[in-house]
Amino acid sequence: MPSSHRAQAEWTPSRILDWAEQIGPHTRSLCEAILGGRHHPELGYRSCLGLFRLAKKCGNERLTRPAVERSTGPRSYRSVLTILKHNLDTQPLPQPEAPPRPVQSTKTSAAPTTTTERNKEKTC
């Protein structure tokens, strides 16, 4: 086995999650989602390692800000990278909009009107 592959053979999901816990609880939950969302957890290692590189580059505190913690959409390295790249973690979270009010009908009769009935209505 090549030396680069031997190094990866020593990694385990629990080891990745322990590293993520050192950054913060949200990073751990994000790594759990990444590893759990793959058919084989090993396929999520590179995404998790990318998060660790972001923590070194941008700082642990940026990965634990509310915008990153409550990011919507896919929970992935790419979504966190986009949030940090565009400084969305420094902006306030949008407030949820109130649901629209139901539209009430102004029509009083339930029976449909025919063309002749409409014509009679216009002449009156």
PDB file of N, CA and C in Angstrom:
ATOM      1  N   MET A   1       0.852  -1.178   0.000  1.00  0.00           N
ATOM      2  CA  MET A   1       0.000   0.000   0.000  1.00  0.00           C
ATOM      3  C   MET A   1       0.904   1.250   0.000  1.00  0.00           C
ATOM      4  N   PRO A   2       0.589   2.247  -0.825  1.00  0.00           N
ATOM      5  CA  PRO A   2       1.396   3.476  -0.826  1.00  0.00           C
ATOM      6  C   PRO A   2       1.360   4.164   0.535  1.00  0.00           C
ATOM      7  N   SER A   3       2.402   4.942   0.819  1.00  0.00           N
ATOM      8  CA  SER A   3       2.511   5.588   2.132  1.00  0.00           C
ATOM      9  C   SER A   3       1.339   6.536   2.396  1.00  0.00           C
ATOM     10  N   SER A   4       0.845   7.225   1.366  1.00  0.00           N
ATOM     11  CA  SER A   4      -0.289   8.129   1.572  1.00  0.00           C
ATOM     12  C   SER A   4      -1.552   7.351   1.945  1.00  0.00           C
ATOM     13  N   HIS A   5      -1.699   6.176   1.400  1.00  0.00           N
ATOM     14  CA  HIS A   5      -2.856   5.345   1.728  1.00  0.00           C
ATOM     15  C   HIS A   5      -2.717   4.716   3.110  1.00  0.00           C
ATOM     16  N   ARG A   6      -1.483   4.405   3.491  1.00  0.00           N
ATOM     17  CA  ARG A   6      -1.274   3.858   4.832  1.00  0.00           C
ATOM     18  C   ARG A   6      -1.638   4.878   5.903  1.00  0.00           C
ATOM     19  N   ALA A   7      -1.353   6.150   5.650  1.00  0.00           N
ATOM     20  CA  ALA A   7      -1.702   7.193   6.616  1.00  0.00           C
ATOM     21  C   ALA A   7      -3.220   7.292   6.768  1.00  0.00           C
ATOM     22  N   GLN A   8      -3.937   7.165   5.648  1.00  0.00           N
ATOM     23  CA  GLN A   8      -5.396   7.222   5.722  1.00  0.00           C
ATOM     24  C   GLN A   8      -5.977   5.988   6.388  1.00  0.00           C
ATOM     25  N   ALA A   9      -5.287   4.874   6.301  1.00  0.00           N
ATOM     26  CA  ALA A   9      -5.781   3.651   6.928  1.00  0.00           C
ATOM     27  C   ALA A   9      -5.813   3.782   8.443  1.00  0.00           C
ATOM     28  N   GLU A  10      -4.987   4.678   8.992  1.00  0.00           N
ATOM     29  CA  GLU A  10      -4.973   4.884  10.438  1.00  0.00           C
ATOM     30  C   GLU A  10      -6.130   5.763  10.920  1.00  0.00           C
ATOM     31  N   TRP A  11      -6.777   6.478   9.990  1.00  0.00           N
ATOM     32  CA  TRP A  11      -7.893   7.342  10.374  1.00  0.00           C
ATOM     33  C   TRP A  11      -9.137   6.499  10.609  1.00  0.00           C
ATOM     34  N   THR A  12      -9.916   6.897  11.572  1.00  0.00           N
ATOM     35  CA  THR A  12     -11.198   6.258  11.849  1.00  0.00           C
ATOM     36  C   THR A  12     -12.230   7.358  12.030  1.00  0.00           C
ATOM     37  N   PRO A  13     -13.505   7.035  11.879  1.00  0.00           N
ATOM     38  CA  PRO A  13     -14.529   8.053  12.111  1.00  0.00           C
ATOM     39  C   PRO A  13     -14.454   8.646  13.515  1.00  0.00           C
ATOM     40  N   SER A  14     -14.141   7.835  14.516  1.00  0.00           N
ATOM     41  CA  SER A  14     -14.066   8.369  15.879  1.00  0.00           C
ATOM     42  C   SER A  14     -12.881   9.331  16.026  1.00  0.00           C
ATOM     43  N   ARG A  15     -11.798   9.044  15.333  1.00  0.00           N
ATOM     44  CA  ARG A  15     -10.648   9.948  15.381  1.00  0.00           C
ATOM     45  C   ARG A  15     -10.975  11.287  14.706  1.00  0.00           C
ATOM     46  N   ILE A  16     -11.664  11.234  13.584  1.00  0.00           N
ATOM     47  CA  ILE A  16     -12.099  12.459  12.887  1.00  0.00           C
ATOM     48  C   ILE A  16     -13.034  13.260  13.791  1.00  0.00           C
ATOM     49  N   LEU A  17     -13.969  12.582  14.453  1.00  0.00           N
ATOM     50  CA  LEU A  17     -14.929  13.273  15.321  1.00  0.00           C
ATOM     51  C   LEU A  17     -14.236  13.869  16.544  1.00  0.00           C
ATOM     52  N   ASP A  18     -13.220  13.201  17.050  1.00  0.00           N
ATOM     53  CA  ASP A  18     -12.455  13.773  18.166  1.00  0.00           C
ATOM     54  C   ASP A  18     -11.735  15.047  17.752  1.00  0.00           C
ATOM     55  N   TRP A  19     -11.153  15.042  16.552  1.00  0.00           N
ATOM     56  CA  TRP A  19     -10.516  16.255  16.042  1.00  0.00           C
ATOM     57  C   TRP A  19     -11.544  17.371  15.886  1.00  0.00           C
ATOM     58  N   ALA A  20     -12.709  17.021  15.385  1.00  0.00           N
ATOM     59  CA  ALA A  20     -13.767  18.025  15.169  1.00  0.00           C
ATOM     60  C   ALA A  20     -14.250  18.600  16.498  1.00  0.00           C
ATOM     61  N   GLU A  21     -14.304  17.780  17.534  1.00  0.00           N
ATOM     62  CA  GLU A  21     -14.741  18.244  18.859  1.00  0.00           C
ATOM     63  C   GLU A  21     -13.785  19.295  19.408  1.00  0.00           C
ATOM     64  N   GLN A  22     -12.512  19.202  19.060  1.00  0.00           N
ATOM     65  CA  GLN A  22     -11.543  20.193  19.525  1.00  0.00           C
ATOM     66  C   GLN A  22     -11.828  21.568  18.926  1.00  0.00           C
ATOM     67  N   ILE A  23     -12.432  21.616  17.751  1.00  0.00           N
ATOM     68  CA  ILE A  23     -12.798  22.894  17.132  1.00  0.00           C
ATOM     69  C   ILE A  23     -14.068  23.425  17.779  1.00  0.00           C
ATOM     70  N   GLY A  24     -15.051  22.559  17.937  1.00  0.00           N
ATOM     71  CA  GLY A  24     -16.299  22.974  18.560  1.00  0.00           C
ATOM     72  C   GLY A  24     -17.381  21.929  18.352  1.00  0.00           C
ATOM     73  N   PRO A  25     -18.450  22.003  19.149  1.00  0.00           N
ATOM     74  CA  PRO A  25     -19.507  20.996  19.039  1.00  0.00           C
ATOM     75  C   PRO A  25     -20.236  21.041  17.695  1.00  0.00           C
ATOM     76  N   HIS A  26     -20.351  22.238  17.109  1.00  0.00           N
ATOM     77  CA  HIS A  26     -21.020  22.297  15.812  1.00  0.00           C
ATOM     78  C   HIS A  26     -20.198  21.605  14.739  1.00  0.00           C
ATOM     79  N   THR A  27     -18.903  21.772  14.786  1.00  0.00           N
ATOM     80  CA  THR A  27     -18.037  21.124  13.803  1.00  0.00           C
ATOM     81  C   THR A  27     -18.142  19.616  13.937  1.00  0.00           C
ATOM     82  N   ARG A  28     -18.258  19.145  15.169  1.00  0.00           N
ATOM     83  CA  ARG A  28     -18.436  17.706  15.367  1.00  0.00           C
ATOM     84  C   ARG A  28     -19.748  17.225  14.751  1.00  0.00           C
ATOM     85  N   SER A  29     -20.832  17.974  14.985  1.00  0.00           N
ATOM     86  CA  SER A  29     -22.117  17.551  14.422  1.00  0.00           C
ATOM     87  C   SER A  29     -22.102  17.633  12.898  1.00  0.00           C
ATOM     88  N   LEU A  30     -21.398  18.623  12.350  1.00  0.00           N
ATOM     89  CA  LEU A  30     -21.275  18.721  10.901  1.00  0.00           C
ATOM     90  C   LEU A  30     -20.489  17.536  10.345  1.00  0.00           C
ATOM     91  N   CYS A  31     -19.402  17.168  11.021  1.00  0.00           N
ATOM     92  CA  CYS A  31     -18.630  16.000  10.581  1.00  0.00           C
ATOM     93  C   CYS A  31     -19.442  14.710  10.724  1.00  0.00           C
ATOM     94  N   GLU A  32     -20.241  14.615  11.771  1.00  0.00           N
ATOM     95  CA  GLU A  32     -21.111  13.444  11.915  1.00  0.00           C
ATOM     96  C   GLU A  32     -22.079  13.362  10.747  1.00  0.00           C
ATOM     97  N   ALA A  33     -22.641  14.509  10.347  1.00  0.00           N
ATOM     98  CA  ALA A  33     -23.571  14.522   9.216  1.00  0.00           C
ATOM     99  C   ALA A  33     -22.861  14.157   7.922  1.00  0.00           C
ATOM    100  N   ILE A  34     -21.652  14.651   7.741  1.00  0.00           N
ATOM    101  CA  ILE A  34     -20.886  14.335   6.526  1.00  0.00           C
ATOM    102  C   ILE A  34     -20.557  12.851   6.475  1.00  0.00           C
ATOM    103  N   LEU A  35     -20.049  12.315   7.583  1.00  0.00           N
ATOM    104  CA  LEU A  35     -19.670  10.894   7.604  1.00  0.00           C
ATOM    105  C   LEU A  35     -20.897   9.995   7.530  1.00  0.00           C
ATOM    106  N   GLY A  36     -21.973  10.406   8.180  1.00  0.00           N
ATOM    107  CA  GLY A  36     -23.184   9.584   8.171  1.00  0.00           C
ATOM    108  C   GLY A  36     -23.938   9.640   6.860  1.00  0.00           C
ATOM    109  N   GLY A  37     -23.696  10.678   6.072  1.00  0.00           N
ATOM    110  CA  GLY A  37     -24.398  10.823   4.809  1.00  0.00           C
ATOM    111  C   GLY A  37     -23.764  10.056   3.659  1.00  0.00           C
ATOM    112  N   ARG A  38     -22.674   9.418   3.892  1.00  0.00           N
ATOM    113  CA  ARG A  38     -21.976   8.654   2.857  1.00  0.00           C
ATOM    114  C   ARG A  38     -22.228   7.167   3.064  1.00  0.00           C
ATOM    115  N   HIS A  39     -22.225   6.437   1.969  1.00  0.00           N
ATOM    116  CA  HIS A  39     -22.403   4.991   2.060  1.00  0.00           C
ATOM    117  C   HIS A  39     -21.242   4.366   2.835  1.00  0.00           C
ATOM    118  N   HIS A  40     -20.051   4.885   2.607  1.00  0.00           N
ATOM    119  CA  HIS A  40     -18.870   4.486   3.365  1.00  0.00           C
ATOM    120  C   HIS A  40     -18.333   5.740   4.046  1.00  0.00           C
ATOM    121  N   PRO A  41     -18.200   5.750   5.372  1.00  0.00           N
ATOM    122  CA  PRO A  41     -17.728   6.947   6.070  1.00  0.00           C
ATOM    123  C   PRO A  41     -16.389   7.460   5.558  1.00  0.00           C
ATOM    124  N   GLU A  42     -15.559   6.575   5.027  1.00  0.00           N
ATOM    125  CA  GLU A  42     -14.243   6.981   4.540  1.00  0.00           C
ATOM    126  C   GLU A  42     -14.349   8.001   3.407  1.00  0.00           C
ATOM    127  N   LEU A  43     -15.485   7.995   2.692  1.00  0.00           N
ATOM    128  CA  LEU A  43     -15.670   8.934   1.594  1.00  0.00           C
ATOM    129  C   LEU A  43     -15.876  10.364   2.096  1.00  0.00           C
ATOM    130  N   GLY A  44     -16.148  10.539   3.382  1.00  0.00           N
ATOM    131  CA  GLY A  44     -16.325  11.862   3.945  1.00  0.00           C
ATOM    132  C   GLY A  44     -15.087  12.418   4.621  1.00  0.00           C
ATOM    133  N   TYR A  45     -14.019  11.646   4.669  1.00  0.00           N
ATOM    134  CA  TYR A  45     -12.803  12.095   5.360  1.00  0.00           C
ATOM    135  C   TYR A  45     -12.245  13.382   4.753  1.00  0.00           C
ATOM    136  N   ARG A  46     -12.180  13.464   3.428  1.00  0.00           N
ATOM    137  CA  ARG A  46     -11.592  14.654   2.799  1.00  0.00           C
ATOM    138  C   ARG A  46     -12.412  15.899   3.097  1.00  0.00           C
ATOM    139  N   SER A  47     -13.733  15.778   3.144  1.00  0.00           N
ATOM    140  CA  SER A  47     -14.573  16.936   3.481  1.00  0.00           C
ATOM    141  C   SER A  47     -14.306  17.387   4.911  1.00  0.00           C
ATOM    142  N   CYS A  48     -14.187  16.433   5.806  1.00  0.00           N
ATOM    143  CA  CYS A  48     -13.910  16.775   7.203  1.00  0.00           C
ATOM    144  C   CYS A  48     -12.530  17.402   7.343  1.00  0.00           C
ATOM    145  N   LEU A  49     -11.551  16.855   6.639  1.00  0.00           N
ATOM    146  CA  LEU A  49     -10.211  17.435   6.688  1.00  0.00           C
ATOM    147  C   LEU A  49     -10.202  18.844   6.093  1.00  0.00           C
ATOM    148  N   GLY A  50     -11.057  19.080   5.112  1.00  0.00           N
ATOM    149  CA  GLY A  50     -11.200  20.428   4.569  1.00  0.00           C
ATOM    150  C   GLY A  50     -11.725  21.397   5.614  1.00  0.00           C
ATOM    151  N   LEU A  51     -12.658  20.933   6.450  1.00  0.00           N
ATOM    152  CA  LEU A  51     -13.158  21.773   7.543  1.00  0.00           C
ATOM    153  C   LEU A  51     -12.032  22.093   8.528  1.00  0.00           C
ATOM    154  N   PHE A  52     -11.180  21.123   8.789  1.00  0.00           N
ATOM    155  CA  PHE A  52     -10.063  21.357   9.710  1.00  0.00           C
ATOM    156  C   PHE A  52      -9.099  22.388   9.126  1.00  0.00           C
ATOM    157  N   ARG A  53      -8.871  22.315   7.800  1.00  0.00           N
ATOM    158  CA  ARG A  53      -8.015  23.323   7.156  1.00  0.00           C
ATOM    159  C   ARG A  53      -8.648  24.709   7.242  1.00  0.00           C
ATOM    160  N   LEU A  54      -9.975  24.780   7.075  1.00  0.00           N
ATOM    161  CA  LEU A  54     -10.664  26.070   7.208  1.00  0.00           C
ATOM    162  C   LEU A  54     -10.519  26.620   8.622  1.00  0.00           C
ATOM    163  N   ALA A  55     -10.574  25.746   9.606  1.00  0.00           N
ATOM    164  CA  ALA A  55     -10.426  26.191  10.996  1.00  0.00           C
ATOM    165  C   ALA A  55      -9.033  26.760  11.226  1.00  0.00           C
ATOM    166  N   LYS A  56      -8.017  26.127  10.637  1.00  0.00           N
ATOM    167  CA  LYS A  56      -6.658  26.652  10.783  1.00  0.00           C
ATOM    168  C   LYS A  56      -6.505  27.990  10.065  1.00  0.00           C
ATOM    169  N   LYS A  57      -7.105  28.088   8.893  1.00  0.00           N
ATOM    170  CA  LYS A  57      -6.952  29.280   8.072  1.00  0.00           C
ATOM    171  C   LYS A  57      -7.794  30.448   8.595  1.00  0.00           C
ATOM    172  N   CYS A  58      -9.054  30.196   8.947  1.00  0.00           N
ATOM    173  CA  CYS A  58      -9.986  31.264   9.324  1.00  0.00           C
ATOM    174  C   CYS A  58     -10.162  31.403  10.829  1.00  0.00           C
ATOM    175  N   GLY A  59      -9.818  30.385  11.576  1.00  0.00           N
ATOM    176  CA  GLY A  59      -9.994  30.406  13.022  1.00  0.00           C
ATOM    177  C   GLY A  59     -11.198  29.584  13.458  1.00  0.00           C
ATOM    178  N   ASN A  60     -11.062  28.956  14.602  1.00  0.00           N
ATOM    179  CA  ASN A  60     -12.145  28.120  15.131  1.00  0.00           C
ATOM    180  C   ASN A  60     -13.420  28.911  15.381  1.00  0.00           C
ATOM    181  N   GLU A  61     -13.263  30.180  15.814  1.00  0.00           N
ATOM    182  CA  GLU A  61     -14.444  30.962  16.176  1.00  0.00           C
ATOM    183  C   GLU A  61     -15.331  31.241  14.966  1.00  0.00           C
ATOM    184  N   ARG A  62     -14.765  31.321  13.761  1.00  0.00           N
ATOM    185  CA  ARG A  62     -15.603  31.558  12.578  1.00  0.00           C
ATOM    186  C   ARG A  62     -16.440  30.336  12.240  1.00  0.00           C
ATOM    187  N   LEU A  63     -15.947  29.153  12.582  1.00  0.00           N
ATOM    188  CA  LEU A  63     -16.727  27.947  12.316  1.00  0.00           C
ATOM    189  C   LEU A  63     -17.820  27.732  13.352  1.00  0.00           C
ATOM    190  N   THR A  64     -17.795  28.490  14.433  1.00  0.00           N
ATOM    191  CA  THR A  64     -18.815  28.311  15.465  1.00  0.00           C
ATOM    192  C   THR A  64     -19.770  29.494  15.541  1.00  0.00           C
ATOM    193  N   ARG A  65     -19.717  30.400  14.577  1.00  0.00           N
ATOM    194  CA  ARG A  65     -20.646  31.530  14.563  1.00  0.00           C
ATOM    195  C   ARG A  65     -22.035  31.057  14.159  1.00  0.00           C
ATOM    196  N   PRO A  66     -23.065  31.814  14.556  1.00  0.00           N
ATOM    197  CA  PRO A  66     -24.446  31.373  14.316  1.00  0.00           C
ATOM    198  C   PRO A  66     -24.794  31.091  12.857  1.00  0.00           C
ATOM    199  N   ALA A  67     -24.288  31.887  11.914  1.00  0.00           N
ATOM    200  CA  ALA A  67     -24.646  31.659  10.509  1.00  0.00           C
ATOM    201  C   ALA A  67     -24.139  30.310  10.015  1.00  0.00           C
ATOM    202  N   VAL A  68     -22.963  29.910  10.490  1.00  0.00           N
ATOM    203  CA  VAL A  68     -22.427  28.612  10.081  1.00  0.00           C
ATOM    204  C   VAL A  68     -23.154  27.502  10.814  1.00  0.00           C
ATOM    205  N   GLU A  69     -23.460  27.740  12.086  1.00  0.00           N
ATOM    206  CA  GLU A  69     -24.118  26.702  12.878  1.00  0.00           C
ATOM    207  C   GLU A  69     -25.512  26.389  12.371  1.00  0.00           C
ATOM    208  N   ARG A  70     -26.217  27.411  11.920  1.00  0.00           N
ATOM    209  CA  ARG A  70     -27.598  27.207  11.499  1.00  0.00           C
ATOM    210  C   ARG A  70     -27.742  27.284   9.991  1.00  0.00           C
ATOM    211  N   SER A  71     -26.691  26.915   9.277  1.00  0.00           N
ATOM    212  CA  SER A  71     -26.762  27.001   7.822  1.00  0.00           C
ATOM    213  C   SER A  71     -27.826  26.047   7.303  1.00  0.00           C
ATOM    214  N   THR A  72     -28.534  26.537   6.317  1.00  0.00           N
ATOM    215  CA  THR A  72     -29.561  25.716   5.700  1.00  0.00           C
ATOM    216  C   THR A  72     -28.981  25.100   4.441  1.00  0.00           C
ATOM    217  N   GLY A  73     -29.693  24.171   3.912  1.00  0.00           N
ATOM    218  CA  GLY A  73     -29.205  23.539   2.703  1.00  0.00           C
ATOM    219  C   GLY A  73     -28.293  22.389   3.036  1.00  0.00           C
ATOM    220  N   PRO A  74     -27.516  21.998   2.049  1.00  0.00           N
ATOM    221  CA  PRO A  74     -26.636  20.866   2.283  1.00  0.00           C
ATOM    222  C   PRO A  74     -25.591  21.174   3.337  1.00  0.00           C
ATOM    223  N   ARG A  75     -25.405  20.254   4.225  1.00  0.00           N
ATOM    224  CA  ARG A  75     -24.383  20.414   5.268  1.00  0.00           C
ATOM    225  C   ARG A  75     -23.126  19.766   4.738  1.00  0.00           C
ATOM    226  N   SER A  76     -22.247  20.631   4.225  1.00  0.00           N
ATOM    227  CA  SER A  76     -21.043  20.102   3.591  1.00  0.00           C
ATOM    228  C   SER A  76     -19.904  21.093   3.736  1.00  0.00           C
ATOM    229  N   TYR A  77     -18.722  20.633   3.355  1.00  0.00           N
ATOM    230  CA  TYR A  77     -17.548  21.495   3.331  1.00  0.00           C
ATOM    231  C   TYR A  77     -17.803  22.677   2.405  1.00  0.00           C
ATOM    232  N   ARG A  78     -18.388  22.421   1.252  1.00  0.00           N
ATOM    233  CA  ARG A  78     -18.606  23.457   0.252  1.00  0.00           C
ATOM    234  C   ARG A  78     -19.544  24.548   0.777  1.00  0.00           C
ATOM    235  N   SER A  79     -20.609  24.178   1.493  1.00  0.00           N
ATOM    236  CA  SER A  79     -21.518  25.196   2.017  1.00  0.00           C
ATOM    237  C   SER A  79     -20.839  26.059   3.078  1.00  0.00           C
ATOM    238  N   VAL A  80     -20.013  25.461   3.930  1.00  0.00           N
ATOM    239  CA  VAL A  80     -19.284  26.227   4.944  1.00  0.00           C
ATOM    240  C   VAL A  80     -18.259  27.126   4.273  1.00  0.00           C
ATOM    241  N   LEU A  81     -17.574  26.625   3.252  1.00  0.00           N
ATOM    242  CA  LEU A  81     -16.604  27.430   2.526  1.00  0.00           C
ATOM    243  C   LEU A  81     -17.270  28.658   1.907  1.00  0.00           C
ATOM    244  N   THR A  82     -18.434  28.495   1.324  1.00  0.00           N
ATOM    245  CA  THR A  82     -19.160  29.615   0.725  1.00  0.00           C
ATOM    246  C   THR A  82     -19.551  30.637   1.774  1.00  0.00           C
ATOM    247  N   ILE A  83     -20.026  30.180   2.923  1.00  0.00           N
ATOM    248  CA  ILE A  83     -20.414  31.089   4.006  1.00  0.00           C
ATOM    249  C   ILE A  83     -19.208  31.902   4.460  1.00  0.00           C
ATOM    250  N   LEU A  84     -18.077  31.259   4.637  1.00  0.00           N
ATOM    251  CA  LEU A  84     -16.884  31.968   5.101  1.00  0.00           C
ATOM    252  C   LEU A  84     -16.306  32.883   4.015  1.00  0.00           C
ATOM    253  N   LYS A  85     -16.352  32.434   2.781  1.00  0.00           N
ATOM    254  CA  LYS A  85     -15.794  33.211   1.679  1.00  0.00           C
ATOM    255  C   LYS A  85     -16.545  34.527   1.494  1.00  0.00           C
ATOM    256  N   HIS A  86     -17.866  34.494   1.656  1.00  0.00           N
ATOM    257  CA  HIS A  86     -18.683  35.685   1.461  1.00  0.00           C
ATOM    258  C   HIS A  86     -18.998  36.414   2.777  1.00  0.00           C
ATOM    259  N   ASN A  87     -18.328  36.029   3.848  1.00  0.00           N
ATOM    260  CA  ASN A  87     -18.509  36.638   5.177  1.00  0.00           C
ATOM    261  C   ASN A  87     -19.961  36.633   5.639  1.00  0.00           C
ATOM    262  N   LEU A  88     -20.699  35.594   5.280  1.00  0.00           N
ATOM    263  CA  LEU A  88     -22.086  35.488   5.707  1.00  0.00           C
ATOM    264  C   LEU A  88     -22.196  35.154   7.188  1.00  0.00           C
ATOM    265  N   ASP A  89     -21.106  34.655   7.767  1.00  0.00           N
ATOM    266  CA  ASP A  89     -21.129  34.338   9.189  1.00  0.00           C
ATOM    267  C   ASP A  89     -21.127  35.594  10.042  1.00  0.00           C
ATOM    268  N   THR A  90     -20.756  36.744   9.470  1.00  0.00           N
ATOM    269  CA  THR A  90     -20.732  37.992  10.231  1.00  0.00           C
ATOM    270  C   THR A  90     -22.053  38.757  10.126  1.00  0.00           C
ATOM    271  N   GLN A  91     -22.933  38.336   9.237  1.00  0.00           N
ATOM    272  CA  GLN A  91     -24.206  39.025   9.057  1.00  0.00           C
ATOM    273  C   GLN A  91     -25.268  38.395   9.940  1.00  0.00           C
ATOM    274  N   PRO A  92     -26.271  39.209  10.363  1.00  0.00           N
ATOM    275  CA  PRO A  92     -27.336  38.634  11.188  1.00  0.00           C
ATOM    276  C   PRO A  92     -28.161  37.640  10.388  1.00  0.00           C
ATOM    277  N   LEU A  93     -28.693  36.674  11.098  1.00  0.00           N
ATOM    278  CA  LEU A  93     -29.528  35.674  10.453  1.00  0.00           C
ATOM    279  C   LEU A  93     -30.851  36.292  10.026  1.00  0.00           C
ATOM    280  N   PRO A  94     -31.382  35.904   8.864  1.00  0.00           N
ATOM    281  CA  PRO A  94     -32.683  36.432   8.448  1.00  0.00           C
ATOM    282  C   PRO A  94     -33.782  35.872   9.347  1.00  0.00           C
ATOM    283  N   GLN A  95     -34.742  36.735   9.644  1.00  0.00           N
ATOM    284  CA  GLN A  95     -35.874  36.302  10.467  1.00  0.00           C
ATOM    285  C   GLN A  95     -36.864  35.564   9.586  1.00  0.00           C
ATOM    286  N   PRO A  96     -37.493  34.519  10.101  1.00  0.00           N
ATOM    287  CA  PRO A  96     -38.468  33.799   9.291  1.00  0.00           C
ATOM    288  C   PRO A  96     -39.671  34.685   9.005  1.00  0.00           C
ATOM    289  N   GLU A  97     -40.171  34.573   7.783  1.00  0.00           N
ATOM    290  CA  GLU A  97     -41.315  35.368   7.388  1.00  0.00           C
ATOM    291  C   GLU A  97     -42.592  34.762   7.966  1.00  0.00           C
ATOM    292  N   ALA A  98     -43.566  35.640   8.231  1.00  0.00           N
ATOM    293  CA  ALA A  98     -44.859  35.172   8.714  1.00  0.00           C
ATOM    294  C   ALA A  98     -45.568  34.458   7.570  1.00  0.00           C
ATOM    295  N   PRO A  99     -46.313  33.410   7.865  1.00  0.00           N
ATOM    296  CA  PRO A  99     -47.013  32.707   6.793  1.00  0.00           C
ATOM    297  C   PRO A  99     -48.066  33.632   6.175  1.00  0.00           C
ATOM    298  N   PRO A 100     -48.295  33.511   4.873  1.00  0.00           N
ATOM    299  CA  PRO A 100     -49.282  34.377   4.233  1.00  0.00           C
ATOM    300  C   PRO A 100     -50.683  34.082   4.752  1.00  0.00           C
ATOM    301  N   ARG A 101     -51.492  35.133   4.779  1.00  0.00           N
ATOM    302  CA  ARG A 101     -52.867  34.969   5.243  1.00  0.00           C
ATOM    303  C   ARG A 101     -53.668  34.263   4.160  1.00  0.00           C
ATOM    304  N   PRO A 102     -54.639  33.440   4.539  1.00  0.00           N
ATOM    305  CA  PRO A 102     -55.458  32.769   3.530  1.00  0.00           C
ATOM    306  C   PRO A 102     -56.329  33.790   2.790  1.00  0.00           C
ATOM    307  N   VAL A 103     -56.474  33.580   1.519  1.00  0.00           N
ATOM    308  CA  VAL A 103     -57.285  34.463   0.697  1.00  0.00           C
ATOM    309  C   VAL A 103     -58.735  34.038   0.825  1.00  0.00           C
ATOM    310  N   GLN A 104     -59.601  35.011   1.143  1.00  0.00           N
ATOM    311  CA  GLN A 104     -61.023  34.708   1.281  1.00  0.00           C
ATOM    312  C   GLN A 104     -61.738  35.084  -0.004  1.00  0.00           C
ATOM    313  N   SER A 105     -62.633  34.233  -0.412  1.00  0.00           N
ATOM    314  CA  SER A 105     -63.384  34.468  -1.630  1.00  0.00           C
ATOM    315  C   SER A 105     -64.481  35.491  -1.370  1.00  0.00           C
ATOM    316  N   THR A 106     -64.723  36.372  -2.325  1.00  0.00           N
ATOM    317  CA  THR A 106     -65.802  37.359  -2.190  1.00  0.00           C
ATOM    318  C   THR A 106     -67.068  36.891  -2.877  1.00  0.00           C
ATOM    319  N   LYS A 107     -66.990  35.787  -3.559  1.00  0.00           N
ATOM    320  CA  LYS A 107     -68.150  35.229  -4.240  1.00  0.00           C
ATOM    321  C   LYS A 107     -69.091  34.634  -3.209  1.00  0.00           C
ATOM    322  N   THR A 108     -70.396  34.917  -3.320  1.00  0.00           N
ATOM    323  CA  THR A 108     -71.343  34.453  -2.315  1.00  0.00           C
ATOM    324  C   THR A 108     -72.038  33.165  -2.698  1.00  0.00           C
ATOM    325  N   SER A 109     -72.200  32.880  -3.976  1.00  0.00           N
ATOM    326  CA  SER A 109     -72.886  31.651  -4.354  1.00  0.00           C
ATOM    327  C   SER A 109     -71.872  30.595  -4.749  1.00  0.00           C
ATOM    328  N   ALA A 110     -72.201  29.363  -4.438  1.00  0.00           N
ATOM    329  CA  ALA A 110     -71.312  28.261  -4.752  1.00  0.00           C
ATOM    330  C   ALA A 110     -71.552  27.739  -6.157  1.00  0.00           C
ATOM    331  N   ALA A 111     -72.710  28.054  -6.759  1.00  0.00           N
ATOM    332  CA  ALA A 111     -73.038  27.552  -8.083  1.00  0.00           C
ATOM    333  C   ALA A 111     -72.303  28.379  -9.143  1.00  0.00           C
ATOM    334  N   PRO A 112     -71.733  27.708 -10.126  1.00  0.00           N
ATOM    335  CA  PRO A 112     -71.045  28.463 -11.173  1.00  0.00           C
ATOM    336  C   PRO A 112     -72.030  29.246 -12.033  1.00  0.00           C
ATOM    337  N   THR A 113     -71.608  30.377 -12.529  1.00  0.00           N
ATOM    338  CA  THR A 113     -72.480  31.183 -13.384  1.00  0.00           C
ATOM    339  C   THR A 113     -72.234  30.836 -14.835  1.00  0.00           C
ATOM    340  N   THR A 114     -73.280  30.785 -15.608  1.00  0.00           N
ATOM    341  CA  THR A 114     -73.170  30.494 -17.036  1.00  0.00           C
ATOM    342  C   THR A 114     -73.044  31.797 -17.797  1.00  0.00           C
ATOM    343  N   THR A 115     -72.774  31.687 -19.076  1.00  0.00           N
ATOM    344  CA  THR A 115     -72.606  32.871 -19.913  1.00  0.00           C
ATOM    345  C   THR A 115     -73.889  33.689 -19.971  1.00  0.00           C
ATOM    346  N   THR A 116     -75.040  33.041 -20.056  1.00  0.00           N
ATOM    347  CA  THR A 116     -76.302  33.781 -20.120  1.00  0.00           C
ATOM    348  C   THR A 116     -76.584  34.495 -18.812  1.00  0.00           C
ATOM    349  N   GLU A 117     -76.216  33.876 -17.684  1.00  0.00           N
ATOM    350  CA  GLU A 117     -76.418  34.534 -16.393  1.00  0.00           C
ATOM    351  C   GLU A 117     -75.528  35.755 -16.276  1.00  0.00           C
ATOM    352  N   ARG A 118     -74.321  35.687 -16.784  1.00  0.00           N
ATOM    353  CA  ARG A 118     -73.425  36.829 -16.741  1.00  0.00           C
ATOM    354  C   ARG A 118     -73.937  37.963 -17.606  1.00  0.00           C
ATOM    355  N   ASN A 119     -74.487  37.600 -18.772  1.00  0.00           N
ATOM    356  CA  ASN A 119     -75.059  38.618 -19.649  1.00  0.00           C
ATOM    357  C   ASN A 119     -76.243  39.306 -19.003  1.00  0.00           C
ATOM    358  N   LYS A 120     -77.086  38.550 -18.282  1.00  0.00           N
ATOM    359  CA  LYS A 120     -78.222  39.130 -17.580  1.00  0.00           C
ATOM    360  C   LYS A 120     -77.749  40.072 -16.492  1.00  0.00           C
ATOM    361  N   GLU A 121     -76.676  39.707 -15.810  1.00  0.00           N
ATOM    362  CA  GLU A 121     -76.136  40.542 -14.755  1.00  0.00           C
ATOM    363  C   GLU A 121     -75.618  41.866 -15.307  1.00  0.00           C
ATOM    364  N   LYS A 122     -75.040  41.832 -16.508  1.00  0.00           N
ATOM    365  CA  LYS A 122     -74.502  43.048 -17.096  1.00  0.00           C
ATOM    366  C   LYS A 122     -75.618  44.003 -17.506  1.00  0.00           C
ATOM    367  N   THR A 123     -76.763  43.493 -17.909  1.00  0.00           N
ATOM    368  CA  THR A 123     -77.849  44.374 -18.387  1.00  0.00           C
ATOM    369  C   THR A 123     -78.629  44.972 -17.239  1.00  0.00           C
ATOM    370  N   CYS A 124     -78.642  44.412 -16.120  1.00  0.00           N
ATOM    371  CA  CYS A 124     -79.448  44.900 -15.003  1.00  0.00           C
ATOM    372  C   CYS A 124     -78.917  46.146 -14.399  1.00  0.00           C
TER     373      CYS A 124
END
